[in-house]
Protein backbone atom coordinates (compact mmCIF):
# COMPACT_ATOMS: atom_id res chain seq x y z
CA MET A 1 21.54 18.83 -19.63
CA SER A 2 22.41 22.55 -18.90
CA PRO A 3 23.95 23.61 -16.11
CA ALA A 4 21.37 25.76 -15.22
CA ALA A 5 18.65 22.67 -16.03
CA TYR A 6 20.88 20.71 -13.65
CA VAL A 7 20.70 23.07 -10.74
CA LYS A 8 17.08 23.50 -10.75
CA ARG A 9 16.49 20.22 -10.74
CA LYS A 10 18.69 19.20 -7.33
CA GLY A 11 16.88 22.56 -6.27
CA ARG A 12 13.35 21.04 -6.70
CA GLN A 13 14.68 17.63 -5.21
CA ALA A 14 16.10 19.39 -2.55
CA LEU A 15 13.13 21.48 -1.60
CA ARG A 16 10.82 18.04 -1.89
CA ILE A 17 13.15 16.12 0.22
CA GLY A 18 12.81 19.02 2.60
CA ARG A 19 8.65 18.80 2.77
CA PHE A 20 8.66 14.86 3.10
CA GLY A 21 11.26 15.64 5.96
CA LEU A 22 8.60 18.11 7.71
CA ASN A 23 5.60 15.64 6.76
CA LEU A 24 7.35 12.36 8.75
CA MET A 25 8.05 14.64 11.80
CA ALA A 26 4.65 15.61 11.99
CA GLY A 27 3.16 12.26 11.81
CA GLY A 28 5.87 10.51 14.28
CA SER A 29 5.13 13.02 16.39
CA PHE A 30 1.17 12.45 16.57
CA ILE A 31 1.75 8.98 16.56
CA GLN A 32 3.91 8.88 18.94
CA ALA A 33 1.56 11.12 21.28
CA CYS A 34 -1.42 8.86 20.60
CA HIS A 35 0.84 5.70 22.45
CA SER A 36 2.49 8.25 25.06
CA LEU A 37 -0.89 9.28 26.11
CA PRO A 38 -3.07 6.48 25.95
CA ALA A 39 -5.24 7.43 28.41
CA ILE A 40 -6.26 10.82 26.38
CA SER A 41 -5.55 9.40 23.08
CA LYS A 42 -7.69 6.00 23.88
CA ILE A 43 -4.88 4.81 21.10
CA GLU A 44 -5.43 0.73 23.13
CA ASP A 45 -9.23 0.77 21.71
CA SER A 46 -8.71 2.35 18.62
CA HIS A 47 -6.63 2.54 15.53
CA LEU A 48 -4.15 5.29 13.65
CA ASN A 49 -7.05 5.33 10.56
CA ASP A 50 -9.65 6.25 13.17
CA TYR A 51 -8.20 9.59 14.06
CA ARG A 52 -9.36 12.25 11.51
CA LEU A 53 -5.69 13.94 12.08
CA PHE A 54 -4.01 11.09 10.88
CA ARG A 55 -5.87 10.33 8.25
CA LEU A 56 -5.39 14.21 7.04
CA TRP A 57 -1.85 13.18 7.72
CA VAL A 58 -1.81 10.77 5.04
CA GLU A 59 -3.35 12.38 2.71
CA ASP A 60 -0.85 14.76 2.83
CA LEU A 61 1.88 12.34 2.81
CA VAL A 62 0.76 10.98 -0.89
CA ARG A 63 1.17 14.97 -1.82
CA SER A 64 4.84 15.33 -0.31
CA THR A 65 6.51 12.01 -2.20
CA ASN A 66 4.89 14.04 -5.31
CA VAL A 67 2.43 11.82 -5.65
CA VAL A 68 -1.50 12.96 -7.33
CA MET A 69 -3.92 10.26 -6.43
CA THR A 70 -6.81 9.20 -8.60
CA VAL A 71 -9.54 6.63 -7.58
CA HIS A 72 -11.59 4.59 -10.20
CA GLY A 73 -14.52 2.35 -9.65
CA ALA A 74 -15.92 2.26 -6.01
CA PRO A 75 -14.28 0.73 -2.67
CA ILE A 76 -16.06 -1.88 -0.56
CA LEU A 77 -17.54 0.06 2.35
CA ASP A 78 -18.01 -2.60 4.58
CA HIS A 79 -14.67 -4.64 5.60
CA ALA A 80 -13.17 -6.82 3.16
CA LEU A 81 -10.30 -8.77 1.81
CA PHE A 82 -8.67 -6.31 -0.85
CA VAL A 83 -5.90 -7.54 -2.85
CA SER A 84 -3.23 -5.71 -5.51
CA ASN A 85 -0.52 -5.57 -7.44
CA HIS A 86 2.67 -4.71 -5.84
CA VAL A 87 4.87 -1.73 -7.11
CA SER A 88 6.81 -0.20 -4.52
CA TRP A 89 6.38 0.97 -0.63
CA LEU A 90 4.18 3.47 -2.07
CA ASP A 91 1.52 1.16 -2.55
CA THR A 92 0.65 1.13 1.07
CA VAL A 93 0.49 4.98 1.38
CA LEU A 94 -1.81 5.22 -1.58
CA LEU A 95 -3.88 2.22 -0.87
CA ASN A 96 -4.19 3.48 2.78
CA ASN A 97 -5.11 7.09 1.55
CA ALA A 98 -7.72 5.69 -0.56
CA ARG A 99 -9.44 3.04 1.88
CA PRO A 100 -8.50 2.81 5.45
CA LEU A 101 -6.64 -0.78 5.82
CA SER A 102 -4.62 -3.19 7.58
CA PHE A 103 -1.35 -4.37 5.83
CA ILE A 104 0.44 -7.98 5.40
CA ALA A 105 3.69 -7.11 5.60
CA ARG A 106 7.20 -9.17 5.23
CA HIS A 107 8.40 -10.07 8.59
CA ASP A 108 11.76 -7.95 8.19
CA LEU A 109 10.16 -5.26 7.47
CA VAL A 110 9.33 -4.66 10.82
CA ASP A 111 12.97 -3.17 11.14
CA TRP A 112 13.07 -0.79 8.46
CA PRO A 113 13.65 3.06 9.48
CA PHE A 114 9.71 4.69 8.57
CA ILE A 115 8.11 1.82 7.11
CA GLY A 116 8.83 -0.42 9.89
CA THR A 117 6.84 2.13 12.70
CA PHE A 118 4.22 2.64 9.97
CA THR A 119 2.86 -0.56 9.65
CA GLN A 120 3.32 -1.64 13.07
CA ARG A 121 1.01 1.25 13.98
CA MET A 122 -1.26 0.12 11.39
CA HIS A 123 -1.84 -3.16 13.04
CA SER A 124 0.00 -4.86 9.96
CA VAL A 125 0.13 -8.85 10.04
CA TYR A 126 3.79 -9.75 9.73
CA VAL A 127 4.27 -13.06 7.47
CA ASP A 128 7.25 -14.76 7.02
CA ARG A 129 8.06 -16.25 3.62
CA THR A 130 10.52 -17.86 3.94
CA SER A 131 8.17 -21.10 4.09
CA LYS A 132 4.80 -21.86 2.96
CA PHE A 133 3.99 -23.47 6.17
CA GLN A 134 5.14 -20.53 8.12
CA ALA A 135 3.31 -17.92 5.86
CA TYR A 136 0.09 -20.76 6.31
CA ARG A 137 0.61 -19.57 9.63
CA SER A 138 -0.40 -16.51 9.55
CA ILE A 139 -3.81 -17.20 8.01
CA PRO A 140 -5.76 -17.16 11.32
CA LYS A 141 -4.38 -14.14 12.14
CA ILE A 142 -5.83 -11.90 8.84
CA GLU A 143 -8.72 -13.92 9.89
CA GLU A 144 -8.49 -12.09 13.26
CA ARG A 145 -8.29 -8.94 11.94
CA LEU A 146 -11.18 -9.14 9.45
CA MET A 147 -13.15 -10.68 12.44
CA GLU A 148 -12.42 -7.34 14.08
CA GLY A 149 -14.11 -5.51 11.43
CA ARG A 150 -11.23 -4.22 9.90
CA SER A 151 -10.36 -4.31 5.60
CA VAL A 152 -7.28 -5.95 4.69
CA VAL A 153 -5.00 -5.87 1.91
CA VAL A 154 -2.68 -8.55 0.56
CA PHE A 155 -0.26 -8.47 -2.15
CA PRO A 156 -0.74 -12.19 -3.85
CA GLU A 157 2.41 -11.73 -6.04
CA SER A 158 4.73 -11.83 -2.75
CA THR A 159 7.40 -9.35 -3.92
CA THR A 160 7.23 -6.22 -6.40
CA SER A 161 7.81 -5.74 -10.08
CA ASP A 162 7.45 -2.83 -12.09
CA GLY A 163 4.33 -2.25 -12.57
CA MET A 164 4.10 -2.90 -16.33
CA ASP A 165 2.75 -6.53 -16.01
CA VAL A 166 1.66 -8.55 -13.38
CA LEU A 167 3.80 -11.15 -11.29
CA PRO A 168 1.85 -14.81 -11.20
CA PHE A 169 -0.31 -14.80 -7.90
CA TYR A 170 -0.93 -17.22 -4.90
CA PRO A 171 -3.64 -18.16 -3.52
CA MET A 172 -3.03 -18.83 -0.23
CA PHE A 173 -4.36 -15.92 1.61
CA TYR A 174 -7.71 -15.50 0.04
CA GLU A 175 -8.12 -18.58 2.70
CA ALA A 176 -8.69 -15.80 5.00
CA ALA A 177 -11.63 -14.50 2.91
CA VAL A 178 -12.94 -18.27 1.93
CA ARG A 179 -13.23 -19.00 6.29
CA THR A 180 -14.67 -15.44 6.69
CA LYS A 181 -17.20 -15.35 4.28
CA LEU A 182 -16.45 -11.74 3.43
CA PRO A 183 -15.67 -10.48 0.06
CA VAL A 184 -12.60 -9.79 -2.19
CA GLN A 185 -11.97 -6.57 -3.83
CA ALA A 186 -9.05 -6.51 -5.99
CA ILE A 187 -7.54 -3.21 -7.30
CA ALA A 188 -5.00 -2.32 -10.09
CA ILE A 189 -2.44 0.52 -9.39
CA ARG A 190 -0.60 2.01 -12.75
CA TYR A 191 1.55 4.90 -12.24
CA PHE A 192 2.09 7.53 -14.97
CA ASP A 193 3.76 10.82 -15.84
CA GLU A 194 1.92 14.40 -16.40
CA HIS A 195 2.24 13.46 -19.59
CA GLY A 196 0.17 10.14 -19.39
CA HIS A 197 2.73 8.06 -20.58
CA ARG A 198 3.56 4.74 -18.00
CA ILE A 199 6.30 5.10 -15.77
CA THR A 200 8.92 2.61 -13.56
CA GLU A 201 10.49 5.26 -11.54
CA PRO A 202 8.19 4.49 -8.22
CA ALA A 203 9.07 0.59 -8.50
CA PHE A 204 10.84 -0.99 -5.70
CA ILE A 205 12.80 -3.82 -7.30
CA ASP A 206 16.11 -5.52 -7.19
CA ASP A 207 18.65 -3.88 -4.90
CA ASP A 208 16.38 -0.93 -4.52
CA SER A 209 16.57 1.08 -1.29
CA PHE A 210 13.66 2.95 -0.16
CA GLY A 211 16.21 6.45 -0.64
CA ASP A 212 16.77 5.19 -4.57
CA THR A 213 12.66 4.96 -5.32
CA LEU A 214 12.18 8.49 -3.26
CA MET A 215 15.00 10.08 -5.07
CA ARG A 216 13.52 8.57 -8.31
CA LEU A 217 9.66 9.90 -7.39
CA TYR A 218 11.51 13.97 -7.66
CA GLU A 219 13.28 13.46 -10.49
CA VAL A 220 10.06 13.03 -12.06
CA ASN A 221 7.75 16.85 -12.80
CA LYS A 222 4.72 15.40 -11.30
CA VAL A 223 4.00 11.37 -10.40
CA HIS A 224 0.42 10.22 -11.20
CA ALA A 225 -0.97 7.10 -9.71
CA GLU A 226 -3.60 5.74 -10.74
CA LEU A 227 -6.12 3.05 -8.50
CA HIS A 228 -8.44 1.20 -10.11
CA PHE A 229 -11.25 -0.86 -7.72
CA MET A 230 -12.71 -3.93 -9.50
CA ALA A 231 -15.72 -5.28 -9.11
CA PRO A 232 -15.86 -7.48 -5.78
CA LEU A 233 -16.28 -10.99 -5.86
CA ASP A 234 -18.30 -13.43 -3.61
CA SER A 235 -16.10 -15.71 -1.42
CA GLN A 236 -19.05 -17.94 -0.78
CA LYS A 237 -19.52 -19.04 -4.53
CA LEU A 238 -15.47 -19.15 -5.14
CA ASP A 239 -13.20 -21.11 -3.37
CA ARG A 240 -9.06 -19.81 -2.53
CA LYS A 241 -7.72 -20.62 -6.31
CA GLU A 242 -10.71 -19.72 -8.01
CA LEU A 243 -10.66 -16.06 -6.26
CA CYS A 244 -6.99 -15.87 -6.51
CA ALA A 245 -7.68 -16.68 -10.23
CA ALA A 246 -10.28 -14.13 -11.20
CA SER A 247 -8.81 -11.47 -9.45
CA ALA A 248 -5.56 -11.96 -11.18
CA GLN A 249 -7.34 -11.29 -14.22
CA GLN A 250 -9.26 -8.29 -13.07
CA ILE A 251 -5.94 -6.85 -12.26
CA MET A 252 -4.05 -7.99 -14.95
CA ALA A 253 -6.54 -6.52 -17.60
CA CYS A 254 -6.27 -3.13 -16.17
CA VAL A 255 -2.05 -3.52 -15.94
CA ARG A 256 -1.51 -4.06 -19.20
CA GLU A 257 -4.21 -1.71 -20.26
CA SER A 258 -2.55 0.86 -22.87
């Protein structure tokens, strides 16, 4: 790489980091204001996704991470259990931009800068995956969110991948859909560069930090994210293992498509 090209690339990264920082400041200020002034914001009786200004902020957050998002298929309009393959912390931002959602998050995520606050304010259900018993105890909390009329998204792989394939799905959390008799809709997430080539830069795997992923996002000229909403599955006809197998097959077929 020539010195001029290197300087140009670093300058572009600096501008993108600055834009991202301004976005976080604006969003953080709005969220803090809602919780500092509950009598005005009515936040105690609401969800952040209920506020138009918050929805606009999430939309801008996608742009500030250097991502162009495209949605294929039709998301269920009523509340449901959504399941998706998992590549990055970026997935949660994209999913919430496509469809207002509550999230299932690993228990230690609450201590992360920005992401921890974001997931808390989004009424996430924190799951301790250190044992199956601890994870199973989270199912009633997922049911509670669903019965409140909120949609919840679960990552059945229980970890992240590089996005080029799908890891094994675990059926445990599908039980919440069976108990509440709500539909399950699978979502496949794929990332491309501006030339239509699949990329792994957005992945959050191995020893990656939040900053590592963010800097890789900014090294790509433009990241294109595709969210594919699949045909809904009926939890009154399929048990949790059948729902898991069917949704995994739907997502796998899309992710592996060239």
